[in-house]
């Protein structure tokens, strides 16, 4: 497979990732025209359009004149999304048939480097806001919201632009409708007579989390996602957290927080060394880390029946540093090596035989 093909596929991936993460105002005329075209393909007249400022606004407000509006948090009950998702799947089957066996190596590469990579990035960077706004996201993530993901559009766009796959004129027209809509607005919810569309966020802060350019939400000094109506979302290295974790983490708040992941993020924001000092944790024991030569394991008392093992990540971060992290372990453990082995389901002796922990 040529290097130029891989390079062009990577460029197309970055182009679509930029569209997915865009904070520009929606192109409302283009979005409405594309939605009208998709409605026409399933035999429906163009709907009325109701624009909202954020996904949560789609949940809390009903379009004017809709007396029996079914809230967007119950989208799994709507008839139109299912019909449009079926339309998308039909298009994908037809496009797949155009990929002849001689083009399968290119298709496999594009599926991995473009489609799968974009799916991970969109899931990490855009879906947390949907999860926060709509509880039904958990039930419908494999259906309507997956239909809106740019990853499948980018896949076929890369096949035609980089691999030279030729689609029919009708297939091109249908794919372009989806592509135009994905480039033009935020999330959308199609009803029988009205379509609700959301503006994009006005701020979206991310970080690169993988070698393939995967991104996730992260902001250390404010909301990671913010919409024009003031609705926002905070995230620490891809984990959704309450605002206090970013704005005012404290030992007291950490001690009273029930969610272990939120506690971890708050401690990381403070810094483990500072947290240990502020919380006045008692050092139980230290030992060289046999699974990570050159690093040290430190075992601390937290509260009755609970201890924390402080370790150093075995692999480098993108900035070249090794991250320190803490793991909660049972209070009966006295040996840091035994505690490290416990986190892997190993004995101290078995853990000591590891070549290198990651």
Protein backbone atom coordinates (compact mmCIF):
# COMPACT_ATOMS: atom_id res chain seq x y z
CA UNK A 1 0.00 0.00 0.00
CA UNK A 2 1.43 3.36 -1.04
CA UNK A 3 2.64 5.90 1.48
CA UNK A 4 0.82 8.62 -0.45
CA UNK A 5 -2.51 6.82 0.03
CA UNK A 6 -1.96 6.57 3.76
CA UNK A 7 -0.92 10.21 3.93
CA UNK A 8 -3.98 11.36 1.99
CA UNK A 9 -6.27 9.22 4.16
CA UNK A 10 -4.73 10.82 7.27
CA UNK A 11 -5.34 14.27 5.81
CA UNK A 12 -9.00 13.44 5.16
CA UNK A 13 -9.31 12.11 8.70
CA UNK A 14 -7.97 15.37 10.12
CA UNK A 15 -10.34 17.33 7.90
CA UNK A 16 -13.36 15.46 9.22
CA UNK A 17 -12.11 15.63 12.80
CA UNK A 18 -11.87 19.40 12.39
CA UNK A 19 -15.48 19.49 11.21
CA UNK A 20 -16.63 17.35 14.12
CA UNK A 21 -14.84 19.54 16.68
CA UNK A 22 -15.74 22.85 15.05
CA UNK A 23 -16.92 25.70 17.27
CA UNK A 24 -18.05 27.88 14.37
CA UNK A 25 -21.72 28.90 14.15
CA UNK A 26 -23.87 26.43 12.25
CA UNK A 27 -24.51 27.01 8.57
CA UNK A 28 -28.26 26.93 9.01
CA UNK A 29 -29.33 27.20 5.35
CA UNK A 30 -27.00 24.35 4.32
CA UNK A 31 -28.10 22.17 7.25
CA UNK A 32 -31.80 22.74 6.59
CA UNK A 33 -31.42 21.99 2.89
CA UNK A 34 -29.62 18.73 3.67
CA UNK A 35 -32.23 17.68 6.23
CA UNK A 36 -35.00 18.45 3.72
CA UNK A 37 -33.22 16.28 1.16
CA UNK A 38 -32.97 13.36 3.59
CA UNK A 39 -36.64 13.71 4.55
CA UNK A 40 -37.49 13.55 0.85
CA UNK A 41 -35.60 10.28 0.48
CA UNK A 42 -37.89 8.62 3.05
CA UNK A 43 -41.02 10.11 1.50
CA UNK A 44 -41.59 13.01 3.89
CA UNK A 45 -42.11 16.69 3.16
CA UNK A 46 -39.48 19.14 4.46
CA UNK A 47 -40.04 19.75 8.18
CA UNK A 48 -40.24 22.98 10.09
CA UNK A 49 -36.92 23.80 11.74
CA UNK A 50 -36.35 24.69 15.36
CA UNK A 51 -32.82 25.70 16.34
CA UNK A 52 -31.60 25.43 19.92
CA UNK A 53 -28.43 26.69 21.55
CA UNK A 54 -27.28 23.39 23.08
CA UNK A 55 -28.20 19.70 23.43
CA UNK A 56 -29.67 20.35 26.86
CA UNK A 57 -31.93 23.03 25.36
CA UNK A 58 -33.31 20.37 23.01
CA UNK A 59 -34.35 18.43 26.09
CA UNK A 60 -35.86 21.34 28.01
CA UNK A 61 -37.68 23.27 25.28
CA UNK A 62 -40.40 22.31 22.82
CA UNK A 63 -40.68 23.82 19.33
CA UNK A 64 -43.31 26.57 19.06
CA UNK A 65 -46.74 25.23 18.16
CA UNK A 66 -45.97 21.63 19.17
CA UNK A 67 -48.65 20.66 21.68
CA UNK A 68 -47.80 16.96 21.86
CA UNK A 69 -44.04 17.28 21.62
CA UNK A 70 -42.18 14.13 22.66
CA UNK A 71 -39.03 15.29 24.44
CA UNK A 72 -35.66 14.57 22.87
CA UNK A 73 -34.75 12.40 25.85
CA UNK A 74 -37.27 9.88 24.48
CA UNK A 75 -35.90 9.86 20.94
CA UNK A 76 -35.94 6.07 20.82
CA UNK A 77 -39.76 6.39 20.56
CA UNK A 78 -39.64 8.69 17.51
CA UNK A 79 -40.40 7.13 14.09
CA UNK A 80 -38.26 9.34 11.84
CA UNK A 81 -34.79 8.68 13.34
CA UNK A 82 -35.21 4.94 12.78
CA UNK A 83 -36.19 5.48 9.15
CA UNK A 84 -33.21 7.77 8.55
CA UNK A 85 -30.84 5.31 10.23
CA UNK A 86 -32.18 2.57 7.96
CA UNK A 87 -31.61 4.89 4.99
CA UNK A 88 -27.99 5.34 6.09
CA UNK A 89 -27.44 1.60 6.47
CA UNK A 90 -28.90 0.98 3.02
CA UNK A 91 -26.50 3.55 1.57
CA UNK A 92 -23.54 1.95 3.33
CA UNK A 93 -24.41 -1.48 1.94
CA UNK A 94 -24.55 -0.07 -1.56
CA UNK A 95 -21.25 1.79 -1.14
CA UNK A 96 -19.56 -1.35 0.21
CA UNK A 97 -20.58 -3.21 -2.92
CA UNK A 98 -18.61 -0.69 -4.98
CA UNK A 99 -15.39 -1.64 -3.18
CA UNK A 100 -13.99 -4.39 -5.40
CA UNK A 101 -11.69 -7.03 -3.99
CA UNK A 102 -8.60 -5.30 -5.46
CA UNK A 103 -9.44 -2.29 -3.27
CA UNK A 104 -9.97 -4.22 -0.07
CA UNK A 105 -6.48 -3.50 1.36
CA UNK A 106 -7.17 0.22 1.00
CA UNK A 107 -10.62 -0.23 2.54
CA UNK A 108 -9.17 -2.07 5.54
CA UNK A 109 -6.56 0.63 6.10
CA UNK A 110 -9.16 3.40 5.83
CA UNK A 111 -11.52 1.57 8.20
CA UNK A 112 -8.78 1.43 10.80
CA UNK A 113 -6.98 4.75 10.30
CA UNK A 114 -10.00 6.89 9.45
CA UNK A 115 -13.28 5.32 10.57
CA UNK A 116 -12.22 3.58 13.78
CA UNK A 117 -9.96 6.44 14.84
CA UNK A 118 -12.66 9.05 14.28
CA UNK A 119 -15.23 6.96 16.13
CA UNK A 120 -12.97 6.87 19.19
CA UNK A 121 -12.31 10.61 18.99
CA UNK A 122 -15.97 11.54 18.58
CA UNK A 123 -16.95 9.19 21.40
CA UNK A 124 -14.36 10.78 23.70
CA UNK A 125 -14.89 14.41 22.76
CA UNK A 126 -18.53 14.93 21.71
CA UNK A 127 -20.57 12.18 23.32
CA UNK A 128 -19.94 13.25 26.96
CA UNK A 129 -22.06 16.35 26.36
CA UNK A 130 -24.89 14.17 25.04
CA UNK A 131 -24.56 11.86 28.03
CA UNK A 132 -24.82 14.84 30.36
CA UNK A 133 -27.80 16.34 28.51
CA UNK A 134 -29.81 13.21 27.66
CA UNK A 135 -30.09 10.17 29.88
CA UNK A 136 -31.51 8.26 26.91
CA UNK A 137 -28.09 8.48 25.25
CA UNK A 138 -27.16 5.28 27.07
CA UNK A 139 -30.05 3.47 25.38
CA UNK A 140 -29.71 4.97 21.90
CA UNK A 141 -25.97 5.35 21.39
CA UNK A 142 -25.89 2.47 18.90
CA UNK A 143 -28.72 3.93 16.84
CA UNK A 144 -29.53 7.53 16.07
CA UNK A 145 -26.44 9.23 17.48
CA UNK A 146 -24.18 6.69 15.77
CA UNK A 147 -25.91 7.59 12.51
CA UNK A 148 -24.80 11.20 13.04
CA UNK A 149 -21.15 10.30 13.70
CA UNK A 150 -18.84 11.67 11.00
CA UNK A 151 -16.70 8.53 11.05
CA UNK A 152 -18.76 6.52 8.55
CA UNK A 153 -19.05 9.53 6.22
CA UNK A 154 -15.30 10.11 6.39
CA UNK A 155 -14.69 6.44 5.60
CA UNK A 156 -16.50 6.58 2.27
CA UNK A 157 -15.22 10.07 1.53
CA UNK A 158 -11.66 8.74 1.89
CA UNK A 159 -12.45 5.77 -0.32
CA UNK A 160 -13.61 7.98 -3.18
CA UNK A 161 -11.03 10.75 -2.77
CA UNK A 162 -7.92 8.80 -1.73
CA UNK A 163 -8.51 5.25 -3.01
CA UNK A 164 -10.32 6.20 -6.22
CA UNK A 165 -13.46 4.14 -5.57
CA UNK A 166 -16.20 5.22 -7.98
CA UNK A 167 -19.73 5.48 -6.62
CA UNK A 168 -22.91 5.92 -8.64
CA UNK A 169 -24.33 9.39 -9.17
CA UNK A 170 -27.22 8.64 -6.81
CA UNK A 171 -24.88 7.27 -4.14
CA UNK A 172 -22.75 10.41 -4.42
CA UNK A 173 -25.83 12.59 -4.02
CA UNK A 174 -26.99 10.75 -0.90
CA UNK A 175 -23.55 10.67 0.67
CA UNK A 176 -23.16 14.40 0.02
CA UNK A 177 -26.42 15.12 1.86
CA UNK A 178 -25.09 13.42 4.98
CA UNK A 179 -21.67 15.05 4.54
CA UNK A 180 -23.13 18.53 4.15
CA UNK A 181 -25.24 18.12 7.27
CA UNK A 182 -22.29 16.80 9.31
CA UNK A 183 -20.23 19.84 8.28
CA UNK A 184 -23.00 22.35 8.91
CA UNK A 185 -24.48 21.89 12.39
CA UNK A 186 -24.36 20.19 15.74
CA UNK A 187 -26.59 17.30 16.87
CA UNK A 188 -30.13 17.10 15.48
CA UNK A 189 -33.41 15.40 16.32
CA UNK A 190 -35.84 14.74 13.42
CA UNK A 191 -39.54 14.68 14.26
CA UNK A 192 -42.44 13.94 11.96
CA UNK A 193 -43.25 17.57 11.21
CA UNK A 194 -40.42 19.46 12.88
CA UNK A 195 -36.66 18.98 13.13
CA UNK A 196 -34.71 20.27 16.13
CA UNK A 197 -31.08 21.19 15.46
CA UNK A 198 -28.46 22.30 17.94
CA UNK A 199 -25.80 24.92 17.46
CA UNK A 200 -22.24 23.83 17.99
CA UNK A 201 -20.40 24.61 21.21
CA UNK A 202 -18.64 27.97 21.40
CA UNK A 203 -15.68 26.36 23.17
CA UNK A 204 -14.31 22.82 22.96
CA UNK A 205 -11.03 21.96 24.68
CA UNK A 206 -9.35 18.65 23.92
CA UNK A 207 -6.01 16.88 24.13
CA UNK A 208 -4.38 14.23 21.97
CA UNK A 209 -4.50 10.93 23.82
CA UNK A 210 -3.20 8.35 21.36
CA UNK A 211 -0.55 7.80 18.75
CA UNK A 212 -3.16 7.82 15.99
CA UNK A 213 -4.29 11.33 16.89
CA UNK A 214 -7.28 10.31 19.01
CA UNK A 215 -8.59 13.21 21.06
CA UNK A 216 -10.48 13.45 24.33
CA UNK A 217 -11.98 16.27 26.39
CA UNK A 218 -9.63 18.00 28.79
CA UNK A 219 -9.30 21.46 30.29
CA UNK A 220 -7.37 22.24 33.47
CA UNK A 221 -8.63 25.80 33.96
CA UNK A 222 -12.31 25.87 32.97
CA UNK A 223 -15.09 24.03 31.12
CA UNK A 224 -13.99 21.62 28.42
CA UNK A 225 -17.26 22.22 26.56
CA UNK A 226 -19.30 25.41 26.65
CA UNK A 227 -22.38 26.43 24.68
CA UNK A 228 -23.67 29.92 23.97
CA UNK A 229 -26.51 29.56 26.49
CA UNK A 230 -23.99 29.01 29.28
CA UNK A 231 -24.43 25.25 29.59
CA UNK A 232 -21.04 23.62 30.04
CA UNK A 233 -19.19 20.47 30.92
CA UNK A 234 -15.90 19.94 32.77
CA UNK A 235 -13.48 17.14 31.94
CA UNK A 236 -10.11 15.99 33.24
CA UNK A 237 -8.16 13.90 30.72
CA UNK A 238 -11.34 12.46 29.26
CA UNK A 239 -13.23 11.92 32.52
CA UNK A 240 -16.33 14.02 33.12
CA UNK A 241 -16.05 15.75 36.49
CA UNK A 242 -17.98 18.29 38.61
CA UNK A 243 -16.82 21.88 38.20
CA UNK A 244 -15.12 21.94 41.64
CA UNK A 245 -12.53 19.41 40.46
CA UNK A 246 -11.26 22.03 38.02
CA UNK A 247 -12.06 25.28 39.82
CA UNK A 248 -11.47 24.47 43.50
CA UNK A 249 -10.22 20.96 44.33
CA UNK A 250 -9.68 20.45 48.05
CA UNK A 251 -8.82 17.68 50.47
CA UNK A 252 -12.22 18.03 52.16
CA UNK A 253 -14.17 17.72 48.91
CA UNK A 254 -12.08 14.75 47.85
CA UNK A 255 -12.73 13.04 51.20
CA UNK A 256 -16.49 13.44 50.86
CA UNK A 257 -16.71 12.51 47.16
CA UNK A 258 -18.28 9.07 46.59
CA UNK A 259 -17.07 8.56 43.00
CA UNK A 260 -13.58 7.08 42.93
CA UNK A 261 -12.84 8.43 39.44
CA UNK A 262 -13.80 11.96 40.43
CA UNK A 263 -11.56 11.67 43.51
CA UNK A 264 -8.69 10.49 41.34
CA UNK A 265 -9.06 13.39 38.93
CA UNK A 266 -9.23 15.94 41.75
CA UNK A 267 -6.09 14.51 43.35
CA UNK A 268 -4.27 14.54 40.02
CA UNK A 269 -5.27 18.19 39.55
CA UNK A 270 -3.85 19.08 42.95
CA UNK A 271 -0.85 16.85 42.38
CA UNK A 272 -0.15 13.72 44.38
CA UNK A 273 2.73 15.23 46.34
CA UNK A 274 0.65 18.25 47.35
CA UNK A 275 -2.38 16.11 48.15
CA UNK A 276 -0.38 13.75 50.37
CA UNK A 277 1.06 16.74 52.24
CA UNK A 278 -2.30 18.55 52.60
CA UNK A 279 -4.18 15.40 53.59
CA UNK A 280 -1.40 14.43 56.03
CA UNK A 281 -1.37 10.85 54.82
CA UNK A 282 0.81 8.45 56.79
CA UNK A 283 3.53 6.68 54.84
CA UNK A 284 3.37 2.93 55.55
CA UNK A 285 6.29 1.68 53.46
CA UNK A 286 8.29 2.19 50.27
CA UNK A 287 9.95 -0.25 47.86
CA UNK A 288 11.59 -0.26 44.42
CA UNK A 289 9.05 -1.15 41.74
CA UNK A 290 10.16 -4.45 40.18
CA UNK A 291 7.63 -3.97 37.38
CA UNK A 292 9.02 -0.52 36.55
CA UNK A 293 12.81 -0.37 37.12
CA UNK A 294 14.05 2.95 38.46
CA UNK A 295 10.70 3.86 40.02
CA UNK A 296 9.46 3.59 43.57
CA UNK A 297 6.25 2.27 45.08
CA UNK A 298 4.89 4.19 48.09
CA UNK A 299 2.09 2.89 50.28
CA UNK A 300 0.01 5.35 52.35
CA UNK A 301 -2.75 5.09 54.93
CA UNK A 302 -5.88 7.00 53.85
CA UNK A 303 -8.55 5.96 56.36
CA UNK A 304 -9.52 2.89 58.30
CA UNK A 305 -9.51 -0.14 56.05
CA UNK A 306 -8.15 1.71 53.00
CA UNK A 307 -4.69 2.50 51.70
CA UNK A 308 -3.32 4.15 48.57
CA UNK A 309 -0.44 2.84 46.51
CA UNK A 310 1.41 5.64 44.72
CA UNK A 311 3.16 4.42 41.57
CA UNK A 312 4.72 5.76 38.38
CA UNK A 313 3.29 4.84 35.00
CA UNK A 314 5.43 2.38 33.09
CA UNK A 315 4.97 4.15 29.74
CA UNK A 316 5.74 7.71 28.71
CA UNK A 317 3.09 10.37 28.19
CA UNK A 318 3.13 12.34 24.94
CA UNK A 319 5.18 15.07 26.63
CA UNK A 320 7.87 12.54 27.58
CA UNK A 321 7.03 12.42 31.28
CA UNK A 322 5.81 9.51 33.37
CA UNK A 323 2.55 10.12 35.20
CA UNK A 324 2.28 9.43 38.92
CA UNK A 325 -0.99 7.87 39.97
CA UNK A 326 -2.60 6.37 43.05
CA UNK A 327 -4.48 3.10 43.39
CA UNK A 328 -6.83 2.27 46.26
CA UNK A 329 -5.88 -1.01 47.94
CA UNK A 330 -7.15 -2.87 51.02
CA UNK A 331 -5.94 -1.66 54.40
CA UNK A 332 -4.48 -5.05 55.39
CA UNK A 333 -1.67 -4.77 52.83
CA UNK A 334 1.65 -3.79 54.39
CA UNK A 335 4.09 -4.36 51.52
CA UNK A 336 4.03 -1.96 48.51
CA UNK A 337 5.08 -4.77 46.16
CA UNK A 338 2.30 -6.98 47.47
CA UNK A 339 -0.11 -4.06 47.01
CA UNK A 340 1.07 -3.57 43.41
CA UNK A 341 0.58 -7.25 42.71
CA UNK A 342 -2.91 -7.13 44.26
CA UNK A 343 -3.99 -4.50 41.70
CA UNK A 344 -3.11 -7.01 38.93
CA UNK A 345 -4.53 -10.04 40.72
CA UNK A 346 -1.01 -11.31 41.37
CA UNK A 347 1.03 -12.21 44.41
CA UNK A 348 4.05 -10.11 45.36
CA UNK A 349 6.33 -12.83 43.99
CA UNK A 350 4.46 -13.03 40.67
CA UNK A 351 4.48 -9.23 40.30
CA UNK A 352 8.24 -9.16 40.96
CA UNK A 353 8.76 -11.42 37.95
CA UNK A 354 7.10 -8.98 35.52
CA UNK A 355 9.54 -7.69 32.92
CA UNK A 356 7.92 -4.27 32.79
CA UNK A 357 4.57 -2.86 33.85
CA UNK A 358 2.67 -0.55 31.47
